[in-house]
Amino acid sequence: MIFQDRYHAGTLLGEKLLVYTNDHPIITAIPRGGISVGYPISIMLHTPMIAYIVRKIGSPIQRELGIGAIGENGVEVYDAERIKELSLRDDDIRKIRDKEAWELQRRVTLYRNGKPFPNIEHNTVILVDDGIATGITIQAAIQGVQKLNPKNIIVAAPVCSQYAYDLLSPLVSQIVCIQTPATLEAIGKWYIDFHQMTDEEVISLL
């Protein structure tokens, strides 16, 4: 199945998540794309949506290739094997990490008016993104949310590679996906409309 756009994907994903309605979950979506997916889910489950900010750390050689990720609460996750394979230097990684940390804080300020992430202790959290390829970015989000002591964490995405599904399954209560291909090279290939969302779009949906 190819999704029309993120809203369409979120609507289909929301149907699978209706079983959690009575848990009064909190939708925790990852900007930017995850916000558009999380929006219809939030409506369908009659529950609030909050942005959790996480940033991928791309390889200095190929920026689209994730070698790690950072999230709120000081979370940092790295793919040690990939970093070793690429023979990357600590200084090069640190420069990219610092740049992404600046962007992370910019988005916290913009999307939540600089306010800290709200109290979600003992709540069921549905962590939403528009797709999961390697799983490195969502790992940072999972670790950051876990620090806030939720009751359960449900990871939800319209498309998730089988590799990432197997990697993340032991870390959360459940993973809910519509498509789970063996490989996932580009998330955008699963959408007809996969435009780069703007800050204005994110703020409007929030």
N, C-alpha and C. Protein backbone atom coordinates (compact mmCIF):
# COMPACT_ATOMS: atom_id res chain seq x y z
N MET A 1 0.83 -1.20 0.00
CA MET A 1 0.00 0.00 0.00
C MET A 1 0.87 1.25 0.00
N ILE A 2 0.54 2.19 -0.86
CA ILE A 2 1.18 3.49 -0.89
C ILE A 2 0.20 4.51 -0.31
N PHE A 3 0.67 5.31 0.66
CA PHE A 3 -0.19 6.27 1.32
C PHE A 3 -0.32 7.56 0.50
N GLN A 4 -1.51 8.15 0.51
CA GLN A 4 -1.71 9.40 -0.21
C GLN A 4 -0.83 10.49 0.38
N ASP A 5 -0.86 10.62 1.67
CA ASP A 5 -0.03 11.59 2.39
C ASP A 5 0.05 11.17 3.85
N ARG A 6 0.68 11.98 4.68
CA ARG A 6 0.85 11.61 6.09
C ARG A 6 -0.49 11.57 6.82
N TYR A 7 -1.39 12.47 6.48
CA TYR A 7 -2.70 12.48 7.15
C TYR A 7 -3.46 11.18 6.85
N HIS A 8 -3.42 10.76 5.59
CA HIS A 8 -4.06 9.51 5.19
C HIS A 8 -3.44 8.33 5.96
N ALA A 9 -2.11 8.32 6.03
CA ALA A 9 -1.42 7.25 6.75
C ALA A 9 -1.80 7.26 8.23
N GLY A 10 -1.89 8.46 8.81
CA GLY A 10 -2.25 8.57 10.22
C GLY A 10 -3.66 8.09 10.49
N THR A 11 -4.57 8.34 9.56
CA THR A 11 -5.95 7.89 9.72
C THR A 11 -6.03 6.36 9.73
N LEU A 12 -5.30 5.73 8.82
CA LEU A 12 -5.27 4.27 8.78
C LEU A 12 -4.60 3.70 10.03
N LEU A 13 -3.55 4.36 10.48
CA LEU A 13 -2.85 3.92 11.68
C LEU A 13 -3.74 4.09 12.92
N GLY A 14 -4.50 5.18 12.92
CA GLY A 14 -5.40 5.45 14.04
C GLY A 14 -6.43 4.35 14.23
N GLU A 15 -6.88 3.75 13.13
CA GLU A 15 -7.86 2.66 13.23
C GLU A 15 -7.27 1.48 14.00
N LYS A 16 -5.97 1.24 13.82
CA LYS A 16 -5.31 0.14 14.53
C LYS A 16 -5.07 0.48 16.01
N LEU A 17 -5.09 1.77 16.33
CA LEU A 17 -4.79 2.22 17.68
C LEU A 17 -6.03 2.48 18.53
N LEU A 18 -7.20 2.32 17.93
CA LEU A 18 -8.44 2.57 18.67
C LEU A 18 -8.59 1.69 19.90
N VAL A 19 -7.90 0.55 19.91
CA VAL A 19 -7.98 -0.37 21.05
C VAL A 19 -7.42 0.27 22.33
N TYR A 20 -6.65 1.36 22.16
CA TYR A 20 -6.05 2.02 23.31
C TYR A 20 -6.88 3.21 23.81
N THR A 21 -8.04 3.44 23.22
CA THR A 21 -8.85 4.60 23.58
C THR A 21 -9.13 4.67 25.07
N ASN A 22 -9.51 3.55 25.67
CA ASN A 22 -9.87 3.55 27.09
C ASN A 22 -8.68 3.75 28.02
N ASP A 23 -7.46 3.66 27.45
CA ASP A 23 -6.26 3.91 28.25
C ASP A 23 -5.96 5.41 28.35
N HIS A 24 -6.72 6.21 27.57
CA HIS A 24 -6.51 7.67 27.54
C HIS A 24 -5.03 7.98 27.29
N PRO A 25 -4.50 7.48 26.18
CA PRO A 25 -3.07 7.66 25.90
C PRO A 25 -2.73 9.10 25.53
N ILE A 26 -1.46 9.40 25.57
CA ILE A 26 -0.96 10.69 25.11
C ILE A 26 -0.19 10.44 23.82
N ILE A 27 -0.57 11.13 22.77
CA ILE A 27 0.14 11.01 21.49
C ILE A 27 1.39 11.86 21.57
N THR A 28 2.53 11.22 21.43
CA THR A 28 3.81 11.92 21.45
C THR A 28 4.42 11.76 20.07
N ALA A 29 4.39 12.83 19.29
CA ALA A 29 4.78 12.76 17.88
C ALA A 29 6.12 13.44 17.64
N ILE A 30 6.87 12.89 16.70
CA ILE A 30 8.20 13.40 16.38
C ILE A 30 8.13 14.35 15.19
N PRO A 31 8.47 15.63 15.39
CA PRO A 31 8.46 16.57 14.27
C PRO A 31 9.60 16.26 13.28
N ARG A 32 9.41 16.59 11.98
CA ARG A 32 8.19 17.26 11.61
C ARG A 32 7.12 16.28 11.14
N GLY A 33 7.53 15.27 10.34
CA GLY A 33 6.56 14.38 9.71
C GLY A 33 5.64 13.64 10.65
N GLY A 34 6.13 13.28 11.82
CA GLY A 34 5.32 12.54 12.77
C GLY A 34 4.14 13.34 13.30
N ILE A 35 4.24 14.67 13.26
CA ILE A 35 3.14 15.52 13.72
C ILE A 35 1.92 15.37 12.82
N SER A 36 2.15 15.33 11.52
CA SER A 36 1.05 15.19 10.57
C SER A 36 0.40 13.82 10.66
N VAL A 37 1.19 12.79 10.96
CA VAL A 37 0.65 11.44 11.16
C VAL A 37 -0.11 11.37 12.49
N GLY A 38 0.45 12.00 13.51
CA GLY A 38 -0.16 11.94 14.84
C GLY A 38 -1.45 12.73 14.97
N TYR A 39 -1.61 13.75 14.14
CA TYR A 39 -2.78 14.62 14.26
C TYR A 39 -4.11 13.87 14.13
N PRO A 40 -4.35 13.09 13.05
CA PRO A 40 -5.62 12.36 12.97
C PRO A 40 -5.76 11.29 14.05
N ILE A 41 -4.63 10.73 14.51
CA ILE A 41 -4.69 9.75 15.59
C ILE A 41 -5.20 10.42 16.86
N SER A 42 -4.70 11.61 17.12
CA SER A 42 -5.12 12.38 18.28
C SER A 42 -6.62 12.66 18.26
N ILE A 43 -7.12 12.99 17.09
CA ILE A 43 -8.56 13.27 16.94
C ILE A 43 -9.37 12.00 17.16
N MET A 44 -8.95 10.91 16.54
CA MET A 44 -9.69 9.66 16.61
C MET A 44 -9.73 9.09 18.03
N LEU A 45 -8.65 9.29 18.79
CA LEU A 45 -8.58 8.74 20.15
C LEU A 45 -9.00 9.77 21.20
N HIS A 46 -9.37 10.98 20.73
CA HIS A 46 -9.81 12.04 21.64
C HIS A 46 -8.78 12.29 22.74
N THR A 47 -7.54 12.49 22.33
CA THR A 47 -6.45 12.63 23.28
C THR A 47 -5.46 13.67 22.80
N PRO A 48 -4.73 14.32 23.69
CA PRO A 48 -3.81 15.38 23.27
C PRO A 48 -2.59 14.85 22.53
N MET A 49 -1.98 15.74 21.75
CA MET A 49 -0.74 15.41 21.04
C MET A 49 0.34 16.38 21.49
N ILE A 50 1.51 15.83 21.79
CA ILE A 50 2.65 16.62 22.23
C ILE A 50 3.83 16.32 21.31
N ALA A 51 4.63 17.32 21.03
CA ALA A 51 5.84 17.11 20.22
C ALA A 51 7.00 16.68 21.11
N TYR A 52 7.66 15.60 20.72
CA TYR A 52 8.93 15.23 21.37
C TYR A 52 10.01 15.42 20.32
N ILE A 53 11.02 16.22 20.66
CA ILE A 53 12.02 16.60 19.67
C ILE A 53 13.21 15.65 19.71
N VAL A 54 13.55 15.13 18.55
CA VAL A 54 14.71 14.26 18.40
C VAL A 54 15.36 14.59 17.06
N ARG A 55 16.67 14.48 16.99
CA ARG A 55 17.39 14.82 15.77
C ARG A 55 18.36 13.70 15.39
N LYS A 56 18.30 13.33 14.14
CA LYS A 56 19.23 12.32 13.62
C LYS A 56 20.61 12.94 13.45
N ILE A 57 21.63 12.17 13.76
CA ILE A 57 23.01 12.57 13.48
C ILE A 57 23.45 11.81 12.24
N GLY A 58 23.61 12.53 11.15
CA GLY A 58 24.00 11.90 9.89
C GLY A 58 25.50 11.77 9.76
N SER A 59 25.92 10.83 8.94
CA SER A 59 27.34 10.64 8.69
C SER A 59 27.94 11.86 8.01
N PRO A 60 29.16 12.25 8.37
CA PRO A 60 29.82 13.36 7.67
C PRO A 60 30.02 13.07 6.19
N ILE A 61 30.06 11.79 5.85
CA ILE A 61 30.27 11.39 4.46
C ILE A 61 28.97 11.42 3.69
N GLN A 62 27.90 10.95 4.31
CA GLN A 62 26.57 10.90 3.68
C GLN A 62 25.53 11.28 4.72
N ARG A 63 25.07 12.52 4.68
CA ARG A 63 24.24 13.07 5.73
C ARG A 63 22.93 12.30 5.94
N GLU A 64 22.42 11.65 4.91
CA GLU A 64 21.17 10.90 5.05
C GLU A 64 21.37 9.59 5.80
N LEU A 65 22.61 9.16 5.93
CA LEU A 65 22.92 7.90 6.61
C LEU A 65 23.05 8.17 8.10
N GLY A 66 22.09 7.69 8.88
CA GLY A 66 22.09 7.94 10.31
C GLY A 66 23.12 7.11 11.05
N ILE A 67 23.96 7.79 11.84
CA ILE A 67 24.94 7.09 12.66
C ILE A 67 24.62 7.26 14.15
N GLY A 68 23.58 8.04 14.41
CA GLY A 68 23.18 8.27 15.79
C GLY A 68 22.00 9.22 15.84
N ALA A 69 21.59 9.56 17.05
CA ALA A 69 20.48 10.50 17.23
C ALA A 69 20.55 11.07 18.63
N ILE A 70 20.03 12.28 18.78
CA ILE A 70 19.93 12.90 20.09
C ILE A 70 18.48 13.29 20.35
N GLY A 71 18.10 13.28 21.61
CA GLY A 71 16.74 13.66 21.98
C GLY A 71 16.75 14.55 23.20
N GLU A 72 15.58 14.94 23.61
CA GLU A 72 15.46 15.75 24.82
C GLU A 72 15.92 14.94 26.03
N ASN A 73 16.13 15.64 27.14
CA ASN A 73 16.61 15.03 28.39
C ASN A 73 18.05 14.53 28.27
N GLY A 74 18.80 15.09 27.30
CA GLY A 74 20.21 14.73 27.18
C GLY A 74 20.47 13.36 26.59
N VAL A 75 19.48 12.79 25.90
CA VAL A 75 19.63 11.45 25.34
C VAL A 75 20.52 11.47 24.10
N GLU A 76 21.44 10.52 24.02
CA GLU A 76 22.28 10.34 22.84
C GLU A 76 22.39 8.84 22.54
N VAL A 77 22.17 8.47 21.28
CA VAL A 77 22.26 7.07 20.86
C VAL A 77 23.15 7.02 19.62
N TYR A 78 24.09 6.07 19.60
CA TYR A 78 25.01 5.96 18.46
C TYR A 78 25.08 4.52 17.97
N ASP A 79 25.29 4.38 16.66
CA ASP A 79 25.47 3.08 16.04
C ASP A 79 26.96 2.82 15.97
N ALA A 80 27.50 2.18 16.99
CA ALA A 80 28.95 1.99 17.11
C ALA A 80 29.52 1.20 15.94
N GLU A 81 28.80 0.19 15.49
CA GLU A 81 29.30 -0.65 14.39
C GLU A 81 29.42 0.15 13.10
N ARG A 82 28.40 0.98 12.82
CA ARG A 82 28.43 1.78 11.59
C ARG A 82 29.53 2.84 11.66
N ILE A 83 29.70 3.44 12.81
CA ILE A 83 30.76 4.44 12.99
C ILE A 83 32.13 3.80 12.76
N LYS A 84 32.30 2.58 13.25
CA LYS A 84 33.57 1.87 13.06
C LYS A 84 33.78 1.51 11.59
N GLU A 85 32.71 1.05 10.93
CA GLU A 85 32.80 0.68 9.51
C GLU A 85 33.22 1.88 8.65
N LEU A 86 32.71 3.06 9.01
CA LEU A 86 32.98 4.26 8.22
C LEU A 86 34.26 4.98 8.66
N SER A 87 34.90 4.46 9.71
CA SER A 87 36.14 5.05 10.23
C SER A 87 35.97 6.54 10.53
N LEU A 88 34.88 6.88 11.21
CA LEU A 88 34.58 8.28 11.49
C LEU A 88 35.32 8.75 12.74
N ARG A 89 35.77 9.99 12.69
CA ARG A 89 36.49 10.57 13.81
C ARG A 89 35.51 11.21 14.80
N ASP A 90 35.89 11.18 16.07
CA ASP A 90 35.05 11.75 17.12
C ASP A 90 34.78 13.24 16.88
N ASP A 91 35.80 13.95 16.41
CA ASP A 91 35.65 15.40 16.18
C ASP A 91 34.59 15.68 15.12
N ASP A 92 34.58 14.87 14.06
CA ASP A 92 33.61 15.07 12.98
C ASP A 92 32.20 14.81 13.47
N ILE A 93 32.03 13.76 14.28
CA ILE A 93 30.72 13.43 14.83
C ILE A 93 30.26 14.51 15.79
N ARG A 94 31.19 15.03 16.60
CA ARG A 94 30.85 16.05 17.59
C ARG A 94 30.35 17.33 16.92
N LYS A 95 30.95 17.70 15.81
CA LYS A 95 30.53 18.91 15.10
C LYS A 95 29.08 18.79 14.63
N ILE A 96 28.73 17.63 14.08
CA ILE A 96 27.36 17.41 13.61
C ILE A 96 26.42 17.34 14.80
N ARG A 97 26.85 16.67 15.86
CA ARG A 97 26.03 16.56 17.07
C ARG A 97 25.71 17.95 17.63
N ASP A 98 26.70 18.83 17.68
CA ASP A 98 26.49 20.18 18.21
C ASP A 98 25.51 20.97 17.34
N LYS A 99 25.62 20.81 16.05
CA LYS A 99 24.71 21.49 15.13
C LYS A 99 23.27 21.00 15.32
N GLU A 100 23.11 19.69 15.47
CA GLU A 100 21.77 19.13 15.66
C GLU A 100 21.22 19.48 17.05
N ALA A 101 22.08 19.61 18.03
CA ALA A 101 21.64 20.01 19.37
C ALA A 101 21.07 21.43 19.33
N TRP A 102 21.70 22.28 18.53
CA TRP A 102 21.18 23.66 18.37
C TRP A 102 19.80 23.63 17.72
N GLU A 103 19.63 22.79 16.68
CA GLU A 103 18.34 22.69 16.00
C GLU A 103 17.29 22.08 16.92
N LEU A 104 17.69 21.11 17.74
CA LEU A 104 16.77 20.51 18.69
C LEU A 104 16.21 21.57 19.64
N GLN A 105 17.09 22.39 20.18
CA GLN A 105 16.64 23.42 21.11
C GLN A 105 15.78 24.47 20.42
N ARG A 106 16.12 24.77 19.16
CA ARG A 106 15.31 25.72 18.40
C ARG A 106 13.88 25.22 18.27
N ARG A 107 13.73 23.94 18.02
CA ARG A 107 12.39 23.38 17.85
C ARG A 107 11.63 23.29 19.17
N VAL A 108 12.34 23.00 20.26
CA VAL A 108 11.68 23.02 21.57
C VAL A 108 11.12 24.41 21.83
N THR A 109 11.91 25.42 21.55
CA THR A 109 11.49 26.80 21.76
C THR A 109 10.31 27.15 20.87
N LEU A 110 10.35 26.72 19.62
CA LEU A 110 9.32 27.08 18.65
C LEU A 110 8.04 26.28 18.83
N TYR A 111 8.16 24.97 19.02
CA TYR A 111 6.99 24.09 19.05
C TYR A 111 6.32 24.01 20.43
N ARG A 112 7.10 24.27 21.48
CA ARG A 112 6.53 24.19 22.83
C ARG A 112 6.76 25.46 23.63
N ASN A 113 7.10 26.53 22.92
CA ASN A 113 7.37 27.81 23.59
C ASN A 113 8.44 27.68 24.66
N GLY A 114 9.39 26.77 24.42
CA GLY A 114 10.49 26.59 25.36
C GLY A 114 10.14 25.85 26.62
N LYS A 115 8.90 25.40 26.73
CA LYS A 115 8.46 24.71 27.94
C LYS A 115 9.01 23.28 27.98
N PRO A 116 9.32 22.77 29.17
CA PRO A 116 9.79 21.38 29.26
C PRO A 116 8.69 20.41 28.86
N PHE A 117 9.10 19.20 28.54
CA PHE A 117 8.12 18.18 28.18
C PHE A 117 7.20 17.94 29.37
N PRO A 118 5.89 17.89 29.16
CA PRO A 118 4.95 17.76 30.28
C PRO A 118 5.05 16.41 31.00
N ASN A 119 4.46 16.37 32.15
CA ASN A 119 4.46 15.16 32.98
C ASN A 119 3.61 14.06 32.32
N ILE A 120 4.24 12.92 32.03
CA ILE A 120 3.50 11.79 31.44
C ILE A 120 3.63 10.55 32.33
N GLU A 121 4.05 10.76 33.56
CA GLU A 121 4.25 9.63 34.47
C GLU A 121 2.97 8.82 34.64
N HIS A 122 3.11 7.49 34.50
CA HIS A 122 2.01 6.54 34.67
C HIS A 122 0.97 6.63 33.54
N ASN A 123 1.30 7.32 32.45
CA ASN A 123 0.40 7.38 31.30
C ASN A 123 0.88 6.43 30.21
N THR A 124 -0.06 5.96 29.39
CA THR A 124 0.30 5.23 28.18
C THR A 124 0.66 6.25 27.11
N VAL A 125 1.83 6.08 26.52
CA VAL A 125 2.32 7.01 25.50
C VAL A 125 2.37 6.29 24.16
N ILE A 126 1.79 6.93 23.13
CA ILE A 126 1.90 6.40 21.77
C ILE A 126 2.89 7.30 21.02
N LEU A 127 4.05 6.75 20.74
CA LEU A 127 5.14 7.48 20.10
C LEU A 127 5.03 7.32 18.59
N VAL A 128 4.79 8.43 17.89
CA VAL A 128 4.43 8.39 16.47
C VAL A 128 5.50 9.04 15.58
N ASP A 129 5.82 8.37 14.48
CA ASP A 129 6.64 8.97 13.43
C ASP A 129 6.06 8.58 12.08
N ASP A 130 6.55 9.21 11.00
CA ASP A 130 5.98 8.91 9.68
C ASP A 130 6.62 7.71 9.02
N GLY A 131 7.66 7.17 9.63
CA GLY A 131 8.29 5.97 9.11
C GLY A 131 9.55 5.65 9.91
N ILE A 132 9.91 4.38 9.96
CA ILE A 132 11.08 3.95 10.73
C ILE A 132 11.94 3.07 9.82
N ALA A 133 13.14 3.55 9.51
CA ALA A 133 14.03 2.80 8.62
C ALA A 133 15.04 1.98 9.43
N THR A 134 16.02 2.66 10.02
CA THR A 134 17.04 1.94 10.81
C THR A 134 16.64 1.82 12.27
N GLY A 135 15.80 2.73 12.74
CA GLY A 135 15.37 2.70 14.14
C GLY A 135 16.22 3.53 15.07
N ILE A 136 17.31 4.12 14.58
CA ILE A 136 18.23 4.85 15.46
C ILE A 136 17.58 6.10 16.04
N THR A 137 16.78 6.82 15.24
CA THR A 137 16.16 8.05 15.72
C THR A 137 15.07 7.74 16.75
N ILE A 138 14.26 6.75 16.46
CA ILE A 138 13.17 6.41 17.38
C ILE A 138 13.73 5.83 18.68
N GLN A 139 14.91 5.21 18.62
CA GLN A 139 15.54 4.73 19.86
C GLN A 139 15.82 5.88 20.82
N ALA A 140 16.29 7.00 20.27
CA ALA A 140 16.56 8.17 21.11
C ALA A 140 15.26 8.68 21.73
N ALA A 141 14.18 8.68 20.93
CA ALA A 141 12.88 9.12 21.44
C ALA A 141 12.38 8.18 22.53
N ILE A 142 12.54 6.87 22.33
CA ILE A 142 12.11 5.89 23.32
C ILE A 142 12.86 6.11 24.64
N GLN A 143 14.17 6.28 24.55
CA GLN A 143 14.96 6.47 25.77
C GLN A 143 14.57 7.76 26.49
N GLY A 144 14.32 8.82 25.71
CA GLY A 144 13.93 10.08 26.32
C GLY A 144 12.59 10.00 27.02
N VAL A 145 11.63 9.32 26.40
CA VAL A 145 10.30 9.17 27.00
C VAL A 145 10.36 8.24 28.20
N GLN A 146 11.19 7.20 28.13
CA GLN A 146 11.32 6.26 29.25
C GLN A 146 11.80 6.97 30.52
N LYS A 147 12.61 7.99 30.37
CA LYS A 147 13.11 8.74 31.52
C LYS A 147 11.99 9.43 32.30
N LEU A 148 10.83 9.59 31.65
CA LEU A 148 9.70 10.29 32.26
C LEU A 148 8.72 9.32 32.91
N ASN A 149 9.08 8.04 32.97
CA ASN A 149 8.33 7.01 33.70
C ASN A 149 6.87 6.83 33.24
N PRO A 150 6.65 6.64 31.95
CA PRO A 150 5.28 6.35 31.50
C PRO A 150 4.87 4.94 31.90
N LYS A 151 3.58 4.69 31.84
CA LYS A 151 3.08 3.35 32.15
C LYS A 151 3.48 2.38 31.04
N ASN A 152 3.23 2.77 29.80
CA ASN A 152 3.57 1.96 28.63
C ASN A 152 4.02 2.88 27.50
N ILE A 153 4.83 2.34 26.60
CA ILE A 153 5.18 3.05 25.37
C ILE A 153 4.78 2.19 24.19
N ILE A 154 3.94 2.75 23.32
CA ILE A 154 3.54 2.10 22.08
C ILE A 154 4.19 2.88 20.95
N VAL A 155 4.98 2.23 20.12
CA VAL A 155 5.56 2.89 18.95
C VAL A 155 4.62 2.66 17.77
N ALA A 156 4.30 3.73 17.05
CA ALA A 156 3.37 3.62 15.92
C ALA A 156 3.92 4.37 14.72
N ALA A 157 3.92 3.70 13.58
CA ALA A 157 4.37 4.32 12.33
C ALA A 157 3.67 3.62 11.17
N PRO A 158 3.34 4.35 10.12
CA PRO A 158 2.70 3.73 8.96
C PRO A 158 3.56 2.66 8.31
N VAL A 159 4.89 2.89 8.28
CA VAL A 159 5.79 1.92 7.67
C VAL A 159 7.03 1.80 8.54
N CYS A 160 7.48 0.55 8.72
CA CYS A 160 8.63 0.26 9.58
C CYS A 160 9.36 -0.94 8.99
N SER A 161 10.66 -0.83 8.82
CA SER A 161 11.41 -1.96 8.28
C SER A 161 11.37 -3.13 9.27
N GLN A 162 11.47 -4.32 8.74
CA GLN A 162 11.47 -5.50 9.62
C GLN A 162 12.66 -5.47 10.57
N TYR A 163 13.79 -4.95 10.07
CA TYR A 163 14.98 -4.83 10.91
C TYR A 163 14.70 -3.95 12.12
N ALA A 164 14.11 -2.78 11.87
CA ALA A 164 13.81 -1.86 12.97
C ALA A 164 12.75 -2.45 13.90
N TYR A 165 11.78 -3.12 13.32
CA TYR A 165 10.72 -3.75 14.13
C TYR A 165 11.33 -4.73 15.13
N ASP A 166 12.22 -5.57 14.64
CA ASP A 166 12.86 -6.57 15.50
C ASP A 166 13.77 -5.90 16.54
N LEU A 167 14.42 -4.82 16.13
CA LEU A 167 15.33 -4.11 17.03
C LEU A 167 14.59 -3.43 18.17
N LEU A 168 13.45 -2.82 17.85
CA LEU A 168 12.72 -2.00 18.81
C LEU A 168 11.75 -2.79 19.69
N SER A 169 11.29 -3.92 19.21
CA SER A 169 10.25 -4.68 19.92
C SER A 169 10.58 -4.95 21.39
N PRO A 170 11.82 -5.32 21.72
CA PRO A 170 12.11 -5.59 23.14
C PRO A 170 12.12 -4.32 24.00
N LEU A 171 12.13 -3.15 23.38
CA LEU A 171 12.28 -1.90 24.11
C LEU A 171 10.95 -1.27 24.52
N VAL A 172 9.85 -1.69 23.90
CA VAL A 172 8.56 -1.06 24.13
C VAL A 172 7.48 -2.11 24.34
N SER A 173 6.29 -1.64 24.72
CA SER A 173 5.18 -2.57 24.97
C SER A 173 4.66 -3.19 23.68
N GLN A 174 4.61 -2.36 22.61
CA GLN A 174 4.11 -2.86 21.32
C GLN A 174 4.54 -1.91 20.22
N ILE A 175 4.69 -2.46 19.02
CA ILE A 175 4.91 -1.64 17.83
C ILE A 175 3.72 -1.87 16.90
N VAL A 176 3.10 -0.79 16.44
CA VAL A 176 1.95 -0.88 15.55
C VAL A 176 2.33 -0.24 14.22
N CYS A 177 2.31 -1.04 13.17
CA CYS A 177 2.64 -0.56 11.82
C CYS A 177 1.62 -1.09 10.83
N ILE A 178 1.52 -0.43 9.70
CA ILE A 178 0.66 -0.91 8.62
C ILE A 178 1.47 -1.74 7.64
N GLN A 179 2.66 -1.25 7.31
CA GLN A 179 3.55 -1.95 6.40
C GLN A 179 4.86 -2.26 7.11
N THR A 180 5.37 -3.48 6.91
CA THR A 180 6.65 -3.87 7.51
C THR A 180 7.51 -4.55 6.45
N PRO A 181 8.07 -3.77 5.52
CA PRO A 181 8.89 -4.36 4.46
C PRO A 181 10.22 -4.88 5.01
N ALA A 182 10.79 -5.83 4.31
CA ALA A 182 12.07 -6.41 4.73
C ALA A 182 13.16 -5.34 4.76
N THR A 183 13.15 -4.46 3.77
CA THR A 183 14.10 -3.36 3.72
C THR A 183 13.35 -2.06 3.49
N LEU A 184 13.93 -0.97 3.96
CA LEU A 184 13.28 0.33 3.81
C LEU A 184 14.36 1.36 3.55
N GLU A 185 14.60 1.62 2.27
CA GLU A 185 15.67 2.53 1.88
C GLU A 185 15.24 3.99 2.00
N ALA A 186 14.02 4.28 1.59
CA ALA A 186 13.53 5.66 1.62
C ALA A 186 12.07 5.67 2.04
N ILE A 187 11.78 6.31 3.15
CA ILE A 187 10.40 6.37 3.65
C ILE A 187 9.49 7.06 2.65
N GLY A 188 9.99 8.07 1.98
CA GLY A 188 9.19 8.84 1.03
C GLY A 188 8.61 8.02 -0.10
N LYS A 189 9.22 6.88 -0.41
CA LYS A 189 8.70 6.03 -1.49
C LYS A 189 7.35 5.41 -1.15
N TRP A 190 6.98 5.45 0.13
CA TRP A 190 5.71 4.88 0.56
C TRP A 190 4.59 5.91 0.59
N TYR A 191 4.90 7.12 0.15
CA TYR A 191 3.92 8.21 0.12
C TYR A 191 3.87 8.86 -1.26
N ILE A 192 2.65 9.20 -1.69
CA ILE A 192 2.52 9.99 -2.92
C ILE A 192 2.95 11.43 -2.63
N ASP A 193 2.44 11.99 -1.55
CA ASP A 193 2.82 13.33 -1.11
C ASP A 193 3.66 13.19 0.16
N PHE A 194 4.96 13.47 0.04
CA PHE A 194 5.87 13.38 1.17
C PHE A 194 6.69 14.67 1.23
N HIS A 195 5.97 15.80 1.16
CA HIS A 195 6.67 17.08 1.11
C HIS A 195 7.34 17.40 2.45
N GLN A 196 8.35 18.23 2.37
CA GLN A 196 9.04 18.68 3.58
C GLN A 196 8.11 19.62 4.34
N MET A 197 7.69 19.21 5.52
CA MET A 197 6.79 20.05 6.29
C MET A 197 7.52 21.27 6.83
N THR A 198 6.80 22.37 6.95
CA THR A 198 7.37 23.60 7.47
C THR A 198 7.09 23.73 8.96
N ASP A 199 7.81 24.64 9.59
CA ASP A 199 7.53 24.94 11.00
C ASP A 199 6.10 25.41 11.18
N GLU A 200 5.62 26.20 10.23
CA GLU A 200 4.26 26.74 10.32
C GLU A 200 3.22 25.63 10.31
N GLU A 201 3.44 24.61 9.48
CA GLU A 201 2.50 23.48 9.44
C GLU A 201 2.49 22.73 10.77
N VAL A 202 3.66 22.51 11.32
CA VAL A 202 3.77 21.80 12.60
C VAL A 202 3.06 22.56 13.70
N ILE A 203 3.31 23.85 13.79
CA ILE A 203 2.70 24.69 14.84
C ILE A 203 1.19 24.71 14.69
N SER A 204 0.71 24.77 13.45
CA SER A 204 -0.73 24.78 13.21
C SER A 204 -1.40 23.50 13.70
N LEU A 205 -0.77 22.35 13.43
CA LEU A 205 -1.34 21.06 13.85
C LEU A 205 -1.26 20.89 15.36
N LEU A 206 -0.19 21.36 15.95
CA LEU A 206 -0.07 21.27 17.41
C LEU A 206 -1.11 22.12 18.11
